[in-house]
C-alpha atoms as a PDB file:
ATOM      1  CA  MET A   1       0.000   0.000   0.000  1.00  0.00           C
ATOM      2  CA  ARG A   2       2.894   2.354   0.644  1.00  0.00           C
ATOM      3  CA  ILE A   3       3.984   2.150  -3.003  1.00  0.00           C
ATOM      4  CA  ALA A   4       0.463   3.044  -4.162  1.00  0.00           C
ATOM      5  CA  ARG A   5       0.505   6.171  -2.015  1.00  0.00           C
ATOM      6  CA  TYR A   6       3.875   7.240  -3.370  1.00  0.00           C
ATOM      7  CA  LEU A   7       2.710   6.693  -6.947  1.00  0.00           C
ATOM      8  CA  LEU A   8      -0.408   8.764  -6.328  1.00  0.00           C
ATOM      9  CA  ILE A   9       1.627  11.582  -4.806  1.00  0.00           C
ATOM     10  CA  LEU A  10       4.083  11.489  -7.716  1.00  0.00           C
ATOM     11  CA  ALA A  11       1.233  11.601 -10.230  1.00  0.00           C
ATOM     12  CA  ALA A  12      -0.322  14.601  -8.456  1.00  0.00           C
ATOM     13  CA  PHE A  13       3.033  16.403  -8.461  1.00  0.00           C
ATOM     14  CA  LEU A  14       3.561  15.782 -12.180  1.00  0.00           C
ATOM     15  CA  ILE A  15       0.031  16.956 -12.977  1.00  0.00           C
ATOM     16  CA  MET A  16       0.642  20.109 -10.942  1.00  0.00           C
ATOM     17  CA  ILE A  17       3.825  20.848 -12.915  1.00  0.00           C
ATOM     18  CA  SER A  18       1.922  20.262 -16.159  1.00  0.00           C
ATOM     19  CA  SER A  19      -0.810  22.668 -15.049  1.00  0.00           C
ATOM     20  CA  VAL A  20       1.684  25.417 -14.307  1.00  0.00           C
ATOM     21  CA  LEU A  21       3.368  24.985 -17.681  1.00  0.00           C
ATOM     22  CA  SER A  22      -0.015  25.010 -19.436  1.00  0.00           C
ATOM     23  CA  MET A  23      -1.029  28.224 -17.695  1.00  0.00           C
ATOM     24  CA  TYR A  24       2.132  30.036 -18.774  1.00  0.00           C
ATOM     25  CA  HIS A  25       1.771  28.778 -22.340  1.00  0.00           C
ATOM     26  CA  GLY A  26      -1.380  30.769 -23.022  1.00  0.00           C
ATOM     27  CA  GLY A  27      -4.182  29.906 -25.369  1.00  0.00           C
ATOM     28  CA  ASP A  28      -6.737  27.208 -24.612  1.00  0.00           C
ATOM     29  CA  ARG A  29      -7.106  26.410 -20.901  1.00  0.00           C
ATOM     30  CA  THR A  30      -8.827  23.035 -21.329  1.00  0.00           C
ATOM     31  CA  ALA A  31      -5.692  21.133 -20.300  1.00  0.00           C
ATOM     32  CA  VAL A  32      -5.541  23.101 -17.056  1.00  0.00           C
ATOM     33  CA  TYR A  33      -9.122  22.178 -16.184  1.00  0.00           C
ATOM     34  CA  VAL A  34      -8.470  18.520 -16.983  1.00  0.00           C
ATOM     35  CA  ASN A  35      -5.364  18.576 -14.775  1.00  0.00           C
ATOM     36  CA  VAL A  36      -7.258  20.195 -11.902  1.00  0.00           C
ATOM     37  CA  GLY A  37      -9.921  17.492 -12.169  1.00  0.00           C
ATOM     38  CA  ALA A  38      -7.234  14.809 -12.182  1.00  0.00           C
ATOM     39  CA  MET A  39      -5.622  16.303  -9.073  1.00  0.00           C
ATOM     40  CA  ALA A  40      -8.993  16.328  -7.317  1.00  0.00           C
ATOM     41  CA  SER A  41      -9.545  12.661  -8.145  1.00  0.00           C
ATOM     42  CA  LEU A  42      -6.050  11.819  -6.896  1.00  0.00           C
ATOM     43  CA  ALA A  43      -6.752  13.656  -3.652  1.00  0.00           C
ATOM     44  CA  VAL A  44      -9.927  11.610  -3.198  1.00  0.00           C
ATOM     45  CA  ALA A  45      -8.015   8.385  -3.917  1.00  0.00           C
ATOM     46  CA  VAL A  46      -5.348   9.227  -1.337  1.00  0.00           C
ATOM     47  CA  GLY A  47      -8.035  10.093   1.191  1.00  0.00           C
ATOM     48  CA  ILE A  48      -9.761   6.771   0.610  1.00  0.00           C
ATOM     49  CA  LEU A  49      -6.468   4.906   1.005  1.00  0.00           C
ATOM     50  CA  ASN A  50      -5.723   6.716   4.260  1.00  0.00           C
ATOM     51  CA  PHE A  51      -9.157   6.016   5.750  1.00  0.00           C
ATOM     52  CA  LYS A  52      -9.223   2.433   4.521  1.00  0.00           C
ATOM     53  CA  ASN A  53      -5.806   1.606   6.020  1.00  0.00           C
ATOM     54  CA  PRO A  54      -5.044   4.049   8.848  1.00  0.00           C
ATOM     55  CA  PRO A  55      -1.396   4.249   9.881  1.00  0.00           C
ATOM     56  CA  LYS A  56      -0.529   2.033  12.820  1.00  0.00           C
ATOM     57  CA  ASN A  57       1.427   3.352  15.775  1.00  0.00           C
ATOM     58  CA  ARG A  58       4.999   2.125  15.641  1.00  0.00           C
ATOM     59  CA  ARG A  59       6.950   1.416  18.791  1.00  0.00           C
END
């Protein structure tokens, strides 16, 4: 499960970078809206993973 979380975080980071580059490019903003939607879905997926498998206290 830890690898899945890291992959989701990496995907969100790459989408964020893509959004910033798309905003500076100018022109059609459709890609930015698609990226924002993708980031929202990734945030929901991470939230579901965290609630499904809460971190255990390590001693």
